[in-house]
């Protein structure tokens, strides 16, 4: 995947988060995603846990 394609996909994910477009949000994350937030000692693990914190 090119840098441009990766950036485009990341932008669609940011847009989905901001618009609460959960269908796109779920498509852009694997079931076992780990999300590392600044200042948090442990990542959020799993697509559904990440969705819940949104």
C-alpha atoms as a PDB file:
ATOM      1  CA  UNK A   1       0.000   0.000   0.000  1.00  0.00           C
ATOM      2  CA  UNK A   2       1.339   3.408  -0.898  1.00  0.00           C
ATOM      3  CA  UNK A   3       1.724   6.233   1.588  1.00  0.00           C
ATOM      4  CA  UNK A   4      -1.022   8.134  -0.222  1.00  0.00           C
ATOM      5  CA  UNK A   5      -3.433   5.182  -0.005  1.00  0.00           C
ATOM      6  CA  UNK A   6      -2.662   4.689   3.670  1.00  0.00           C
ATOM      7  CA  UNK A   7      -3.281   8.395   4.351  1.00  0.00           C
ATOM      8  CA  UNK A   8      -6.549   8.276   2.390  1.00  0.00           C
ATOM      9  CA  UNK A   9      -7.783   5.288   4.398  1.00  0.00           C
ATOM     10  CA  UNK A  10      -6.770   6.947   7.656  1.00  0.00           C
ATOM     11  CA  UNK A  11      -8.678  10.079   6.649  1.00  0.00           C
ATOM     12  CA  UNK A  12     -11.805   8.004   5.966  1.00  0.00           C
ATOM     13  CA  UNK A  13     -11.410   6.501   9.428  1.00  0.00           C
ATOM     14  CA  UNK A  14     -11.067   9.926  11.056  1.00  0.00           C
ATOM     15  CA  UNK A  15     -14.102  11.140   9.127  1.00  0.00           C
ATOM     16  CA  UNK A  16     -16.106   8.076  10.191  1.00  0.00           C
ATOM     17  CA  UNK A  17     -15.177   8.612  13.863  1.00  0.00           C
ATOM     18  CA  UNK A  18     -16.187  12.278  13.731  1.00  0.00           C
ATOM     19  CA  UNK A  19     -19.466  11.526  11.906  1.00  0.00           C
ATOM     20  CA  UNK A  20     -20.270   8.516  14.099  1.00  0.00           C
ATOM     21  CA  UNK A  21     -20.343   6.395  10.931  1.00  0.00           C
ATOM     22  CA  UNK A  22     -19.963   3.092  12.756  1.00  0.00           C
ATOM     23  CA  UNK A  23     -20.289   0.934   9.636  1.00  0.00           C
ATOM     24  CA  UNK A  24     -17.144   2.477   8.124  1.00  0.00           C
ATOM     25  CA  UNK A  25     -15.502   2.548  11.550  1.00  0.00           C
ATOM     26  CA  UNK A  26     -15.992  -1.229  11.918  1.00  0.00           C
ATOM     27  CA  UNK A  27     -14.747  -1.915   8.367  1.00  0.00           C
ATOM     28  CA  UNK A  28     -11.534   0.027   9.001  1.00  0.00           C
ATOM     29  CA  UNK A  29     -10.573  -1.940  12.141  1.00  0.00           C
ATOM     30  CA  UNK A  30      -9.683  -5.590  12.523  1.00  0.00           C
ATOM     31  CA  UNK A  31     -11.465  -7.555  15.233  1.00  0.00           C
ATOM     32  CA  UNK A  32      -8.284  -7.630  17.344  1.00  0.00           C
ATOM     33  CA  UNK A  33      -7.227  -3.982  16.909  1.00  0.00           C
ATOM     34  CA  UNK A  34      -5.090  -2.418  19.661  1.00  0.00           C
ATOM     35  CA  UNK A  35      -5.468   1.369  19.996  1.00  0.00           C
ATOM     36  CA  UNK A  36      -2.755   3.232  21.885  1.00  0.00           C
ATOM     37  CA  UNK A  37      -3.963   6.545  23.316  1.00  0.00           C
ATOM     38  CA  UNK A  38      -1.524   9.201  24.535  1.00  0.00           C
ATOM     39  CA  UNK A  39      -1.282   9.163  28.319  1.00  0.00           C
ATOM     40  CA  UNK A  40      -2.936   5.752  28.707  1.00  0.00           C
ATOM     41  CA  UNK A  41      -0.771   2.966  30.137  1.00  0.00           C
ATOM     42  CA  UNK A  42      -2.570   0.176  28.238  1.00  0.00           C
ATOM     43  CA  UNK A  43      -4.129   0.082  24.779  1.00  0.00           C
ATOM     44  CA  UNK A  44      -7.804  -0.412  24.097  1.00  0.00           C
ATOM     45  CA  UNK A  45      -8.068  -3.931  22.700  1.00  0.00           C
ATOM     46  CA  UNK A  46     -10.698  -5.071  20.244  1.00  0.00           C
ATOM     47  CA  UNK A  47     -12.932  -3.363  17.739  1.00  0.00           C
ATOM     48  CA  UNK A  48     -15.982  -3.390  20.008  1.00  0.00           C
ATOM     49  CA  UNK A  49     -14.089  -1.973  23.011  1.00  0.00           C
ATOM     50  CA  UNK A  50     -12.740   0.818  20.800  1.00  0.00           C
ATOM     51  CA  UNK A  51     -16.248   1.523  19.501  1.00  0.00           C
ATOM     52  CA  UNK A  52     -17.595   1.587  23.075  1.00  0.00           C
ATOM     53  CA  UNK A  53     -15.095   4.257  24.132  1.00  0.00           C
ATOM     54  CA  UNK A  54     -16.138   6.472  21.242  1.00  0.00           C
END
